[in-house]
PDB file of N, CA and C in Angstrom:
ATOM      1  N   MET A   1     -12.541  -8.974 -18.138  1.00  0.00           N
ATOM      2  CA  MET A   1     -11.882 -10.248 -18.265  1.00  0.00           C
ATOM      3  C   MET A   1     -10.425 -10.154 -17.799  1.00  0.00           C
ATOM      4  N   VAL A   2      -9.747  -9.082 -18.170  1.00  0.00           N
ATOM      5  CA  VAL A   2      -8.352  -8.916 -17.768  1.00  0.00           C
ATOM      6  C   VAL A   2      -8.240  -8.872 -16.247  1.00  0.00           C
ATOM      7  N   ARG A   3      -9.166  -8.158 -15.609  1.00  0.00           N
ATOM      8  CA  ARG A   3      -9.143  -8.047 -14.141  1.00  0.00           C
ATOM      9  C   ARG A   3      -9.293  -9.420 -13.490  1.00  0.00           C
ATOM     10  N   ARG A   4     -10.142 -10.281 -14.043  1.00  0.00           N
ATOM     11  CA  ARG A   4     -10.308 -11.628 -13.485  1.00  0.00           C
ATOM     12  C   ARG A   4      -9.026 -12.445 -13.606  1.00  0.00           C
ATOM     13  N   VAL A   5      -8.360 -12.342 -14.736  1.00  0.00           N
ATOM     14  CA  VAL A   5      -7.100 -13.071 -14.922  1.00  0.00           C
ATOM     15  C   VAL A   5      -6.046 -12.557 -13.945  1.00  0.00           C
ATOM     16  N   LEU A   6      -5.945 -11.250 -13.812  1.00  0.00           N
ATOM     17  CA  LEU A   6      -4.984 -10.675 -12.865  1.00  0.00           C
ATOM     18  C   LEU A   6      -5.300 -11.107 -11.438  1.00  0.00           C
ATOM     19  N   ALA A   7      -6.578 -11.089 -11.069  1.00  0.00           N
ATOM     20  CA  ALA A   7      -6.981 -11.497  -9.718  1.00  0.00           C
ATOM     21  C   ALA A   7      -6.664 -12.976  -9.488  1.00  0.00           C
ATOM     22  N   ARG A   8      -6.906 -13.798 -10.463  1.00  0.00           N
ATOM     23  CA  ARG A   8      -6.649 -15.230 -10.326  1.00  0.00           C
ATOM     24  C   ARG A   8      -5.171 -15.512 -10.035  1.00  0.00           C
ATOM     25  N   HIS A   9      -4.298 -14.676 -10.579  1.00  0.00           N
ATOM     26  CA  HIS A   9      -2.862 -14.866 -10.388  1.00  0.00           C
ATOM     27  C   HIS A   9      -2.277 -13.930  -9.332  1.00  0.00           C
ATOM     28  N   ASP A  10      -3.164 -13.329  -8.536  1.00  0.00           N
ATOM     29  CA  ASP A  10      -2.763 -12.437  -7.444  1.00  0.00           C
ATOM     30  C   ASP A  10      -1.880 -11.290  -7.932  1.00  0.00           C
ATOM     31  N   LEU A  11      -2.277 -10.687  -9.050  1.00  0.00           N
ATOM     32  CA  LEU A  11      -1.489  -9.603  -9.632  1.00  0.00           C
ATOM     33  C   LEU A  11      -2.151  -8.231  -9.486  1.00  0.00           C
ATOM     34  N   ILE A  12      -3.270  -8.172  -8.772  1.00  0.00           N
ATOM     35  CA  ILE A  12      -3.923  -6.890  -8.533  1.00  0.00           C
ATOM     36  C   ILE A  12      -3.462  -6.384  -7.173  1.00  0.00           C
ATOM     37  N   GLY A  13      -2.985  -5.163  -7.140  1.00  0.00           N
ATOM     38  CA  GLY A  13      -2.500  -4.594  -5.884  1.00  0.00           C
ATOM     39  C   GLY A  13      -3.614  -4.409  -4.876  1.00  0.00           C
ATOM     40  N   PRO A  14      -3.260  -4.252  -3.611  1.00  0.00           N
ATOM     41  CA  PRO A  14      -4.262  -4.150  -2.555  1.00  0.00           C
ATOM     42  C   PRO A  14      -5.104  -2.882  -2.619  1.00  0.00           C
ATOM     43  N   TYR A  15      -4.655  -1.884  -3.358  1.00  0.00           N
ATOM     44  CA  TYR A  15      -5.389  -0.620  -3.411  1.00  0.00           C
ATOM     45  C   TYR A  15      -5.798  -0.273  -4.841  1.00  0.00           C
ATOM     46  N   ALA A  16      -6.078  -1.279  -5.641  1.00  0.00           N
ATOM     47  CA  ALA A  16      -6.462  -1.077  -7.037  1.00  0.00           C
ATOM     48  C   ALA A  16      -7.746  -0.266  -7.182  1.00  0.00           C
ATOM     49  N   ASP A  17      -8.591  -0.278  -6.160  1.00  0.00           N
ATOM     50  CA  ASP A  17      -9.844   0.485  -6.217  1.00  0.00           C
ATOM     51  C   ASP A  17      -9.654   1.967  -5.903  1.00  0.00           C
ATOM     52  N   HIS A  18      -8.440   2.378  -5.647  1.00  0.00           N
ATOM     53  CA  HIS A  18      -8.113   3.781  -5.365  1.00  0.00           C
ATOM     54  C   HIS A  18      -7.240   4.290  -6.518  1.00  0.00           C
ATOM     55  N   PRO A  19      -7.851   4.821  -7.572  1.00  0.00           N
ATOM     56  CA  PRO A  19      -7.082   5.190  -8.766  1.00  0.00           C
ATOM     57  C   PRO A  19      -6.009   6.245  -8.548  1.00  0.00           C
ATOM     58  N   ALA A  20      -6.123   7.060  -7.506  1.00  0.00           N
ATOM     59  CA  ALA A  20      -5.112   8.098  -7.263  1.00  0.00           C
ATOM     60  C   ALA A  20      -3.933   7.582  -6.446  1.00  0.00           C
ATOM     61  N   VAL A  21      -4.023   6.343  -5.960  1.00  0.00           N
ATOM     62  CA  VAL A  21      -2.952   5.779  -5.134  1.00  0.00           C
ATOM     63  C   VAL A  21      -2.104   4.816  -5.972  1.00  0.00           C
ATOM     64  N   GLU A  22      -0.842   5.158  -6.093  1.00  0.00           N
ATOM     65  CA  GLU A  22       0.111   4.306  -6.812  1.00  0.00           C
ATOM     66  C   GLU A  22       0.824   3.416  -5.795  1.00  0.00           C
ATOM     67  N   THR A  23       1.008   2.154  -6.131  1.00  0.00           N
ATOM     68  CA  THR A  23       1.695   1.236  -5.227  1.00  0.00           C
ATOM     69  C   THR A  23       2.816   0.515  -5.963  1.00  0.00           C
ATOM     70  N   ALA A  24       3.824   0.172  -5.208  1.00  0.00           N
ATOM     71  CA  ALA A  24       4.915  -0.661  -5.723  1.00  0.00           C
ATOM     72  C   ALA A  24       5.442  -1.489  -4.562  1.00  0.00           C
ATOM     73  N   THR A  25       5.661  -2.751  -4.803  1.00  0.00           N
ATOM     74  CA  THR A  25       6.213  -3.634  -3.781  1.00  0.00           C
ATOM     75  C   THR A  25       7.613  -4.042  -4.194  1.00  0.00           C
ATOM     76  N   ARG A  26       8.515  -4.005  -3.257  1.00  0.00           N
ATOM     77  CA  ARG A  26       9.894  -4.426  -3.497  1.00  0.00           C
ATOM     78  C   ARG A  26      10.279  -5.429  -2.427  1.00  0.00           C
ATOM     79  N   VAL A  27      11.092  -6.386  -2.796  1.00  0.00           N
ATOM     80  CA  VAL A  27      11.587  -7.380  -1.852  1.00  0.00           C
ATOM     81  C   VAL A  27      13.107  -7.262  -1.810  1.00  0.00           C
ATOM     82  N   ALA A  28      13.639  -6.991  -0.611  1.00  0.00           N
ATOM     83  CA  ALA A  28      15.087  -6.866  -0.419  1.00  0.00           C
ATOM     84  C   ALA A  28      15.731  -8.250  -0.453  1.00  0.00           C
ATOM     85  N   PRO A  29      17.031  -8.316  -0.689  1.00  0.00           N
ATOM     86  CA  PRO A  29      17.714  -9.613  -0.710  1.00  0.00           C
ATOM     87  C   PRO A  29      17.511 -10.444   0.559  1.00  0.00           C
ATOM     88  N   ASP A  30      17.287  -9.775   1.698  1.00  0.00           N
ATOM     89  CA  ASP A  30      17.078 -10.520   2.941  1.00  0.00           C
ATOM     90  C   ASP A  30      15.625 -10.958   3.120  1.00  0.00           C
ATOM     91  N   GLY A  31      14.767 -10.674   2.120  1.00  0.00           N
ATOM     92  CA  GLY A  31      13.366 -11.080   2.185  1.00  0.00           C
ATOM     93  C   GLY A  31      12.424 -10.036   2.734  1.00  0.00           C
ATOM     94  N   THR A  32      12.942  -8.904   3.204  1.00  0.00           N
ATOM     95  CA  THR A  32      12.094  -7.828   3.703  1.00  0.00           C
ATOM     96  C   THR A  32      11.245  -7.292   2.566  1.00  0.00           C
ATOM     97  N   ARG A  33       9.926  -7.186   2.810  1.00  0.00           N
ATOM     98  CA  ARG A  33       9.003  -6.664   1.807  1.00  0.00           C
ATOM     99  C   ARG A  33       8.658  -5.224   2.131  1.00  0.00           C
ATOM    100  N   LEU A  34       8.800  -4.349   1.146  1.00  0.00           N
ATOM    101  CA  LEU A  34       8.480  -2.936   1.289  1.00  0.00           C
ATOM    102  C   LEU A  34       7.353  -2.588   0.330  1.00  0.00           C
ATOM    103  N   LEU A  35       6.353  -1.864   0.846  1.00  0.00           N
ATOM    104  CA  LEU A  35       5.253  -1.388   0.026  1.00  0.00           C
ATOM    105  C   LEU A  35       5.327   0.132  -0.015  1.00  0.00           C
ATOM    106  N   PHE A  36       5.502   0.675  -1.208  1.00  0.00           N
ATOM    107  CA  PHE A  36       5.544   2.117  -1.415  1.00  0.00           C
ATOM    108  C   PHE A  36       4.153   2.573  -1.831  1.00  0.00           C
ATOM    109  N   LEU A  37       3.597   3.567  -1.136  1.00  0.00           N
ATOM    110  CA  LEU A  37       2.285   4.119  -1.450  1.00  0.00           C
ATOM    111  C   LEU A  37       2.446   5.600  -1.773  1.00  0.00           C
ATOM    112  N   LEU A  38       1.913   6.040  -2.895  1.00  0.00           N
ATOM    113  CA  LEU A  38       1.967   7.439  -3.306  1.00  0.00           C
ATOM    114  C   LEU A  38       0.554   7.898  -3.606  1.00  0.00           C
ATOM    115  N   ASN A  39       0.104   8.931  -2.920  1.00  0.00           N
ATOM    116  CA  ASN A  39      -1.220   9.502  -3.160  1.00  0.00           C
ATOM    117  C   ASN A  39      -1.062  10.681  -4.114  1.00  0.00           C
ATOM    118  N   HIS A  40      -1.567  10.531  -5.319  1.00  0.00           N
ATOM    119  CA  HIS A  40      -1.452  11.588  -6.325  1.00  0.00           C
ATOM    120  C   HIS A  40      -2.602  12.590  -6.254  1.00  0.00           C
ATOM    121  N   ALA A  41      -3.535  12.390  -5.332  1.00  0.00           N
ATOM    122  CA  ALA A  41      -4.709  13.260  -5.227  1.00  0.00           C
ATOM    123  C   ALA A  41      -4.456  14.441  -4.288  1.00  0.00           C
ATOM    124  N   PRO A  42      -5.147  15.552  -4.518  1.00  0.00           N
ATOM    125  CA  PRO A  42      -5.019  16.714  -3.628  1.00  0.00           C
ATOM    126  C   PRO A  42      -5.855  16.580  -2.355  1.00  0.00           C
ATOM    127  N   GLU A  43      -6.474  15.424  -2.147  1.00  0.00           N
ATOM    128  CA  GLU A  43      -7.204  15.160  -0.905  1.00  0.00           C
ATOM    129  C   GLU A  43      -6.665  13.875  -0.281  1.00  0.00           C
ATOM    130  N   PRO A  44      -6.900  13.672   1.013  1.00  0.00           N
ATOM    131  CA  PRO A  44      -6.390  12.471   1.676  1.00  0.00           C
ATOM    132  C   PRO A  44      -6.952  11.195   1.041  1.00  0.00           C
ATOM    133  N   ALA A  45      -6.157  10.145   1.066  1.00  0.00           N
ATOM    134  CA  ALA A  45      -6.611   8.824   0.616  1.00  0.00           C
ATOM    135  C   ALA A  45      -6.879   7.998   1.865  1.00  0.00           C
ATOM    136  N   ARG A  46      -8.105   7.568   2.026  1.00  0.00           N
ATOM    137  CA  ARG A  46      -8.490   6.765   3.188  1.00  0.00           C
ATOM    138  C   ARG A  46      -8.504   5.301   2.783  1.00  0.00           C
ATOM    139  N   LEU A  47      -7.556   4.555   3.332  1.00  0.00           N
ATOM    140  CA  LEU A  47      -7.352   3.155   2.982  1.00  0.00           C
ATOM    141  C   LEU A  47      -7.539   2.283   4.217  1.00  0.00           C
ATOM    142  N   THR A  48      -7.471   0.996   4.015  1.00  0.00           N
ATOM    143  CA  THR A  48      -7.461   0.031   5.108  1.00  0.00           C
ATOM    144  C   THR A  48      -6.187  -0.784   4.969  1.00  0.00           C
ATOM    145  N   ALA A  49      -5.434  -0.894   6.039  1.00  0.00           N
ATOM    146  CA  ALA A  49      -4.178  -1.658   5.992  1.00  0.00           C
ATOM    147  C   ALA A  49      -4.483  -3.106   5.626  1.00  0.00           C
ATOM    148  N   HIS A  50      -3.790  -3.619   4.621  1.00  0.00           N
ATOM    149  CA  HIS A  50      -4.031  -4.999   4.202  1.00  0.00           C
ATOM    150  C   HIS A  50      -3.089  -5.982   4.893  1.00  0.00           C
ATOM    151  N   ALA A  51      -2.144  -5.454   5.664  1.00  0.00           N
ATOM    152  CA  ALA A  51      -1.204  -6.293   6.406  1.00  0.00           C
ATOM    153  C   ALA A  51      -0.635  -5.477   7.561  1.00  0.00           C
ATOM    154  N   THR A  52      -0.111  -6.152   8.556  1.00  0.00           N
ATOM    155  CA  THR A  52       0.603  -5.459   9.627  1.00  0.00           C
ATOM    156  C   THR A  52       1.881  -4.878   9.036  1.00  0.00           C
ATOM    157  N   ALA A  53       2.147  -3.597   9.325  1.00  0.00           N
ATOM    158  CA  ALA A  53       3.293  -2.926   8.711  1.00  0.00           C
ATOM    159  C   ALA A  53       3.768  -1.782   9.585  1.00  0.00           C
ATOM    160  N   THR A  54       4.998  -1.355   9.336  1.00  0.00           N
ATOM    161  CA  THR A  54       5.564  -0.172   9.972  1.00  0.00           C
ATOM    162  C   THR A  54       5.944   0.815   8.882  1.00  0.00           C
ATOM    163  N   ASP A  55       5.483   2.061   9.017  1.00  0.00           N
ATOM    164  CA  ASP A  55       5.845   3.106   8.068  1.00  0.00           C
ATOM    165  C   ASP A  55       7.267   3.550   8.390  1.00  0.00           C
ATOM    166  N   LEU A  56       8.166   3.346   7.460  1.00  0.00           N
ATOM    167  CA  LEU A  56       9.574   3.665   7.702  1.00  0.00           C
ATOM    168  C   LEU A  56       9.839   5.171   7.737  1.00  0.00           C
ATOM    169  N   LEU A  57       8.905   5.980   7.247  1.00  0.00           N
ATOM    170  CA  LEU A  57       9.091   7.432   7.274  1.00  0.00           C
ATOM    171  C   LEU A  57       8.636   8.049   8.584  1.00  0.00           C
ATOM    172  N   THR A  58       7.627   7.453   9.226  1.00  0.00           N
ATOM    173  CA  THR A  58       7.079   8.026  10.453  1.00  0.00           C
ATOM    174  C   THR A  58       7.304   7.148  11.681  1.00  0.00           C
ATOM    175  N   GLY A  59       7.597   5.869  11.471  1.00  0.00           N
ATOM    176  CA  GLY A  59       7.745   4.934  12.581  1.00  0.00           C
ATOM    177  C   GLY A  59       6.423   4.374  13.080  1.00  0.00           C
ATOM    178  N   LYS A  60       5.310   4.838  12.501  1.00  0.00           N
ATOM    179  CA  LYS A  60       3.988   4.401  12.945  1.00  0.00           C
ATOM    180  C   LYS A  60       3.716   2.974  12.480  1.00  0.00           C
ATOM    181  N   ARG A  61       3.187   2.178  13.414  1.00  0.00           N
ATOM    182  CA  ARG A  61       2.839   0.797  13.110  1.00  0.00           C
ATOM    183  C   ARG A  61       1.338   0.716  12.861  1.00  0.00           C
ATOM    184  N   SER A  62       0.947  -0.051  11.875  1.00  0.00           N
ATOM    185  CA  SER A  62      -0.471  -0.266  11.616  1.00  0.00           C
ATOM    186  C   SER A  62      -0.733  -1.765  11.549  1.00  0.00           C
ATOM    187  N   GLU A  63      -1.855  -2.144  12.106  1.00  0.00           N
ATOM    188  CA  GLU A  63      -2.265  -3.547  12.109  1.00  0.00           C
ATOM    189  C   GLU A  63      -3.195  -3.807  10.927  1.00  0.00           C
ATOM    190  N   ARG A  64      -3.246  -5.045  10.510  1.00  0.00           N
ATOM    191  CA  ARG A  64      -4.146  -5.443   9.424  1.00  0.00           C
ATOM    192  C   ARG A  64      -5.573  -4.988   9.750  1.00  0.00           C
ATOM    193  N   SER A  65      -6.259  -4.450   8.766  1.00  0.00           N
ATOM    194  CA  SER A  65      -7.651  -3.988   8.833  1.00  0.00           C
ATOM    195  C   SER A  65      -7.826  -2.647   9.532  1.00  0.00           C
ATOM    196  N   GLU A  66      -6.766  -2.024  10.016  1.00  0.00           N
ATOM    197  CA  GLU A  66      -6.871  -0.694  10.618  1.00  0.00           C
ATOM    198  C   GLU A  66      -6.957   0.369   9.527  1.00  0.00           C
ATOM    199  N   PRO A  67      -7.578   1.516   9.841  1.00  0.00           N
ATOM    200  CA  PRO A  67      -7.589   2.625   8.888  1.00  0.00           C
ATOM    201  C   PRO A  67      -6.164   3.116   8.625  1.00  0.00           C
ATOM    202  N   LEU A  68      -5.920   3.490   7.396  1.00  0.00           N
ATOM    203  CA  LEU A  68      -4.616   4.002   6.984  1.00  0.00           C
ATOM    204  C   LEU A  68      -4.902   5.206   6.091  1.00  0.00           C
ATOM    205  N   THR A  69      -4.415   6.373   6.480  1.00  0.00           N
ATOM    206  CA  THR A  69      -4.681   7.585   5.709  1.00  0.00           C
ATOM    207  C   THR A  69      -3.386   8.137   5.147  1.00  0.00           C
ATOM    208  N   LEU A  70      -3.406   8.404   3.843  1.00  0.00           N
ATOM    209  CA  LEU A  70      -2.280   9.071   3.188  1.00  0.00           C
ATOM    210  C   LEU A  70      -2.657  10.539   3.015  1.00  0.00           C
ATOM    211  N   ASP A  71      -1.778  11.418   3.403  1.00  0.00           N
ATOM    212  CA  ASP A  71      -2.018  12.851   3.240  1.00  0.00           C
ATOM    213  C   ASP A  71      -2.184  13.192   1.764  1.00  0.00           C
ATOM    214  N   PRO A  72      -2.773  14.360   1.473  1.00  0.00           N
ATOM    215  CA  PRO A  72      -2.828  14.802   0.080  1.00  0.00           C
ATOM    216  C   PRO A  72      -1.415  14.826  -0.501  1.00  0.00           C
ATOM    217  N   LEU A  73      -1.252  14.224  -1.646  1.00  0.00           N
ATOM    218  CA  LEU A  73       0.055  14.100  -2.312  1.00  0.00           C
ATOM    219  C   LEU A  73       1.081  13.431  -1.400  1.00  0.00           C
ATOM    220  N   GLY A  74       0.618  12.600  -0.477  1.00  0.00           N
ATOM    221  CA  GLY A  74       1.477  11.972   0.531  1.00  0.00           C
ATOM    222  C   GLY A  74       2.114  10.672   0.070  1.00  0.00           C
ATOM    223  N   VAL A  75       3.102  10.269   0.842  1.00  0.00           N
ATOM    224  CA  VAL A  75       3.880   9.061   0.572  1.00  0.00           C
ATOM    225  C   VAL A  75       4.011   8.258   1.855  1.00  0.00           C
ATOM    226  N   ALA A  76       3.994   6.938   1.715  1.00  0.00           N
ATOM    227  CA  ALA A  76       4.293   6.038   2.834  1.00  0.00           C
ATOM    228  C   ALA A  76       5.183   4.918   2.297  1.00  0.00           C
ATOM    229  N   VAL A  77       6.128   4.504   3.118  1.00  0.00           N
ATOM    230  CA  VAL A  77       6.971   3.351   2.802  1.00  0.00           C
ATOM    231  C   VAL A  77       6.741   2.367   3.935  1.00  0.00           C
ATOM    232  N   LEU A  78       6.036   1.293   3.644  1.00  0.00           N
ATOM    233  CA  LEU A  78       5.643   0.337   4.668  1.00  0.00           C
ATOM    234  C   LEU A  78       6.507  -0.917   4.614  1.00  0.00           C
ATOM    235  N   ARG A  79       7.086  -1.263   5.758  1.00  0.00           N
ATOM    236  CA  ARG A  79       7.791  -2.545   5.889  1.00  0.00           C
ATOM    237  C   ARG A  79       6.741  -3.539   6.355  1.00  0.00           C
ATOM    238  N   LEU A  80       6.459  -4.515   5.521  1.00  0.00           N
ATOM    239  CA  LEU A  80       5.413  -5.489   5.823  1.00  0.00           C
ATOM    240  C   LEU A  80       5.938  -6.575   6.729  1.00  0.00           C
ATOM    241  N   ARG A  81       5.079  -7.088   7.576  1.00  0.00           N
ATOM    242  CA  ARG A  81       5.457  -8.152   8.497  1.00  0.00           C
ATOM    243  C   ARG A  81       4.828  -9.438   8.067  1.00  0.00           C
TER     244      ARG A  81
END
C-alpha cells in the first residue's frame, strides 16, 4: 500500500527495483537537476537510463532508455536534461 501511495505522488526513484543502488536528486538554484547514483554492491549494476543525461565524472552522455552500468561500488553524477 505504501508503494502505491508513493508511486501516485511520483516519490519512487527511478531505480527503486535495484536495492544496492542508492539515488539522490538535487536541484541547483539555476534549475539544473543532478542525479547521484551509488552502487553499494560488489558487482556491476546494470540499469537503463531514465532520462538523457551527462555523467559529470566521466563526460559520457547517455540517452533515455540506453543501458547504463555502474561499476562495482561505483558512483555516477548525472546532469539531467
